[in-house]
Amino acid sequence: MAFIRKVRTASGATAVQIAEYAAGRRQRIVKHVGSAHTPAELGVLLERARGLLADPHQEMLALEVEA
């Protein structure tokens, strides 16, 4: 199941990503939503990520999985 992940970048920004667990505990990034430098930007990116997860027309995230 996909979830929203926030991580600090080397530049000090906060990256917002959609990730999922693969092979047990390892996290795999499905989509990078963006990087925020202010709390306002972070709020916008989190709302955008929630919208991507809750889109009623999208039953699954499009994953590019190689065999």
N, C-alpha and C. Protein backbone atom coordinates (compact mmCIF):
# COMPACT_ATOMS: atom_id res chain seq x y z
N MET A 1 0.84 -1.18 0.00
CA MET A 1 0.00 0.00 0.00
C MET A 1 0.89 1.24 0.00
N ALA A 2 0.52 2.22 -0.76
CA ALA A 2 1.30 3.45 -0.90
C ALA A 2 1.01 4.39 0.28
N PHE A 3 2.00 5.21 0.61
CA PHE A 3 1.87 6.18 1.69
C PHE A 3 2.70 7.41 1.35
N ILE A 4 2.45 8.49 2.08
CA ILE A 4 3.18 9.75 1.87
C ILE A 4 4.39 9.76 2.80
N ARG A 5 5.53 10.13 2.24
CA ARG A 5 6.79 10.13 2.97
C ARG A 5 7.41 11.52 2.88
N LYS A 6 7.88 12.05 4.02
CA LYS A 6 8.59 13.33 4.06
C LYS A 6 10.02 13.05 4.51
N VAL A 7 11.00 13.57 3.78
CA VAL A 7 12.41 13.40 4.14
C VAL A 7 13.15 14.72 3.94
N ARG A 8 14.16 14.95 4.77
CA ARG A 8 15.02 16.13 4.63
C ARG A 8 16.03 15.88 3.53
N THR A 9 16.24 16.88 2.69
CA THR A 9 17.24 16.77 1.63
C THR A 9 18.54 17.39 2.11
N ALA A 10 19.60 17.19 1.35
CA ALA A 10 20.90 17.74 1.71
C ALA A 10 20.89 19.27 1.74
N SER A 11 20.02 19.88 0.94
CA SER A 11 19.95 21.34 0.90
C SER A 11 19.11 21.92 2.04
N GLY A 12 18.50 21.06 2.84
CA GLY A 12 17.68 21.53 3.95
C GLY A 12 16.20 21.60 3.64
N ALA A 13 15.83 21.32 2.41
CA ALA A 13 14.41 21.31 2.03
C ALA A 13 13.77 20.02 2.54
N THR A 14 12.46 19.94 2.46
CA THR A 14 11.73 18.74 2.81
C THR A 14 11.12 18.16 1.54
N ALA A 15 11.53 16.95 1.18
CA ALA A 15 11.00 16.29 -0.01
C ALA A 15 9.72 15.53 0.38
N VAL A 16 8.71 15.63 -0.46
CA VAL A 16 7.46 14.89 -0.28
C VAL A 16 7.40 13.85 -1.38
N GLN A 17 7.23 12.59 -0.97
CA GLN A 17 7.25 11.48 -1.92
C GLN A 17 6.09 10.54 -1.62
N ILE A 18 5.67 9.82 -2.63
CA ILE A 18 4.74 8.71 -2.43
C ILE A 18 5.58 7.45 -2.53
N ALA A 19 5.49 6.62 -1.50
CA ALA A 19 6.33 5.43 -1.44
C ALA A 19 5.47 4.22 -1.08
N GLU A 20 6.07 3.07 -1.20
CA GLU A 20 5.42 1.83 -0.79
C GLU A 20 6.49 0.89 -0.24
N TYR A 21 6.08 -0.07 0.54
CA TYR A 21 7.01 -1.04 1.06
C TYR A 21 7.19 -2.15 0.03
N ALA A 22 8.43 -2.48 -0.24
CA ALA A 22 8.77 -3.56 -1.16
C ALA A 22 9.70 -4.51 -0.43
N ALA A 23 9.48 -5.79 -0.60
CA ALA A 23 10.31 -6.81 0.04
C ALA A 23 10.34 -6.62 1.55
N GLY A 24 9.16 -6.52 2.13
CA GLY A 24 9.10 -6.40 3.59
C GLY A 24 9.22 -4.98 4.07
N ARG A 25 10.41 -4.57 4.52
CA ARG A 25 10.57 -3.26 5.15
C ARG A 25 11.21 -2.22 4.26
N ARG A 26 11.74 -2.58 3.12
CA ARG A 26 12.41 -1.63 2.24
C ARG A 26 11.39 -0.71 1.56
N GLN A 27 11.65 0.59 1.58
CA GLN A 27 10.75 1.54 0.95
C GLN A 27 11.19 1.81 -0.48
N ARG A 28 10.20 1.85 -1.37
CA ARG A 28 10.46 2.14 -2.78
C ARG A 28 9.67 3.39 -3.14
N ILE A 29 10.34 4.37 -3.73
CA ILE A 29 9.70 5.63 -4.11
C ILE A 29 8.90 5.41 -5.39
N VAL A 30 7.61 5.71 -5.33
CA VAL A 30 6.73 5.57 -6.48
C VAL A 30 6.68 6.88 -7.26
N LYS A 31 6.60 8.01 -6.53
CA LYS A 31 6.53 9.32 -7.19
C LYS A 31 7.10 10.38 -6.26
N HIS A 32 7.93 11.24 -6.82
CA HIS A 32 8.43 12.40 -6.09
C HIS A 32 7.47 13.55 -6.38
N VAL A 33 6.80 14.05 -5.34
CA VAL A 33 5.81 15.11 -5.51
C VAL A 33 6.49 16.47 -5.61
N GLY A 34 7.54 16.70 -4.83
CA GLY A 34 8.26 17.97 -4.88
C GLY A 34 9.04 18.21 -3.61
N SER A 35 9.74 19.34 -3.56
CA SER A 35 10.53 19.72 -2.39
C SER A 35 10.07 21.09 -1.90
N ALA A 36 9.94 21.21 -0.57
CA ALA A 36 9.45 22.45 0.03
C ALA A 36 10.54 23.10 0.87
N HIS A 37 10.59 24.42 0.81
CA HIS A 37 11.54 25.18 1.62
C HIS A 37 10.85 25.95 2.74
N THR A 38 9.51 26.06 2.68
CA THR A 38 8.75 26.77 3.71
C THR A 38 7.59 25.89 4.17
N PRO A 39 7.04 26.17 5.35
CA PRO A 39 5.87 25.40 5.81
C PRO A 39 4.68 25.51 4.86
N ALA A 40 4.51 26.67 4.24
CA ALA A 40 3.39 26.84 3.29
C ALA A 40 3.57 25.94 2.08
N GLU A 41 4.79 25.90 1.54
CA GLU A 41 5.06 25.01 0.39
C GLU A 41 4.85 23.55 0.78
N LEU A 42 5.27 23.20 2.01
CA LEU A 42 5.10 21.83 2.48
C LEU A 42 3.62 21.45 2.54
N GLY A 43 2.79 22.37 3.02
CA GLY A 43 1.35 22.12 3.09
C GLY A 43 0.76 21.88 1.71
N VAL A 44 1.17 22.67 0.74
CA VAL A 44 0.67 22.51 -0.63
C VAL A 44 1.09 21.15 -1.19
N LEU A 45 2.34 20.77 -0.98
CA LEU A 45 2.83 19.49 -1.51
C LEU A 45 2.15 18.30 -0.82
N LEU A 46 1.92 18.40 0.48
CA LEU A 46 1.23 17.31 1.18
C LEU A 46 -0.20 17.16 0.69
N GLU A 47 -0.86 18.28 0.44
CA GLU A 47 -2.23 18.23 -0.09
C GLU A 47 -2.25 17.63 -1.48
N ARG A 48 -1.27 17.98 -2.31
CA ARG A 48 -1.16 17.41 -3.66
C ARG A 48 -0.93 15.90 -3.58
N ALA A 49 -0.08 15.46 -2.64
CA ALA A 49 0.20 14.03 -2.48
C ALA A 49 -1.05 13.29 -2.01
N ARG A 50 -1.79 13.89 -1.08
CA ARG A 50 -3.05 13.27 -0.62
C ARG A 50 -4.03 13.13 -1.79
N GLY A 51 -4.07 14.14 -2.64
CA GLY A 51 -4.95 14.09 -3.81
C GLY A 51 -4.55 12.98 -4.76
N LEU A 52 -3.26 12.77 -4.94
CA LEU A 52 -2.80 11.69 -5.81
C LEU A 52 -3.19 10.32 -5.26
N LEU A 53 -3.14 10.18 -3.93
CA LEU A 53 -3.49 8.90 -3.32
C LEU A 53 -5.00 8.67 -3.31
N ALA A 54 -5.78 9.74 -3.23
CA ALA A 54 -7.22 9.61 -3.08
C ALA A 54 -8.00 9.86 -4.36
N ASP A 55 -7.35 9.97 -5.51
CA ASP A 55 -8.02 10.25 -6.77
C ASP A 55 -9.04 9.14 -7.06
N PRO A 56 -10.34 9.45 -7.11
CA PRO A 56 -11.35 8.40 -7.31
C PRO A 56 -11.28 7.75 -8.69
N HIS A 57 -10.67 8.43 -9.66
CA HIS A 57 -10.57 7.87 -11.00
C HIS A 57 -9.32 7.01 -11.18
N GLN A 58 -8.51 7.00 -10.17
CA GLN A 58 -7.27 6.23 -10.25
C GLN A 58 -7.31 5.14 -9.20
N GLU A 59 -7.51 3.91 -9.63
CA GLU A 59 -7.59 2.81 -8.68
C GLU A 59 -6.23 2.39 -8.16
N MET A 60 -5.19 2.51 -9.00
CA MET A 60 -3.84 2.17 -8.59
C MET A 60 -2.87 3.21 -9.14
N LEU A 61 -1.77 3.37 -8.46
CA LEU A 61 -0.71 4.21 -9.01
C LEU A 61 -0.02 3.44 -10.12
N ALA A 62 0.33 4.13 -11.16
CA ALA A 62 1.02 3.49 -12.28
C ALA A 62 2.46 3.21 -11.87
N LEU A 63 2.79 1.96 -11.71
CA LEU A 63 4.14 1.57 -11.28
C LEU A 63 4.90 1.00 -12.46
N GLU A 64 6.12 1.45 -12.60
CA GLU A 64 6.96 0.92 -13.67
C GLU A 64 7.86 -0.14 -13.05
N VAL A 65 7.43 -1.39 -13.15
CA VAL A 65 8.15 -2.49 -12.52
C VAL A 65 8.83 -3.33 -13.60
N GLU A 66 10.12 -3.50 -13.42
CA GLU A 66 10.85 -4.33 -14.36
C GLU A 66 10.91 -5.76 -13.85
N ALA A 67 10.83 -6.71 -14.74
CA ALA A 67 10.85 -8.12 -14.33
C ALA A 67 12.23 -8.54 -13.88
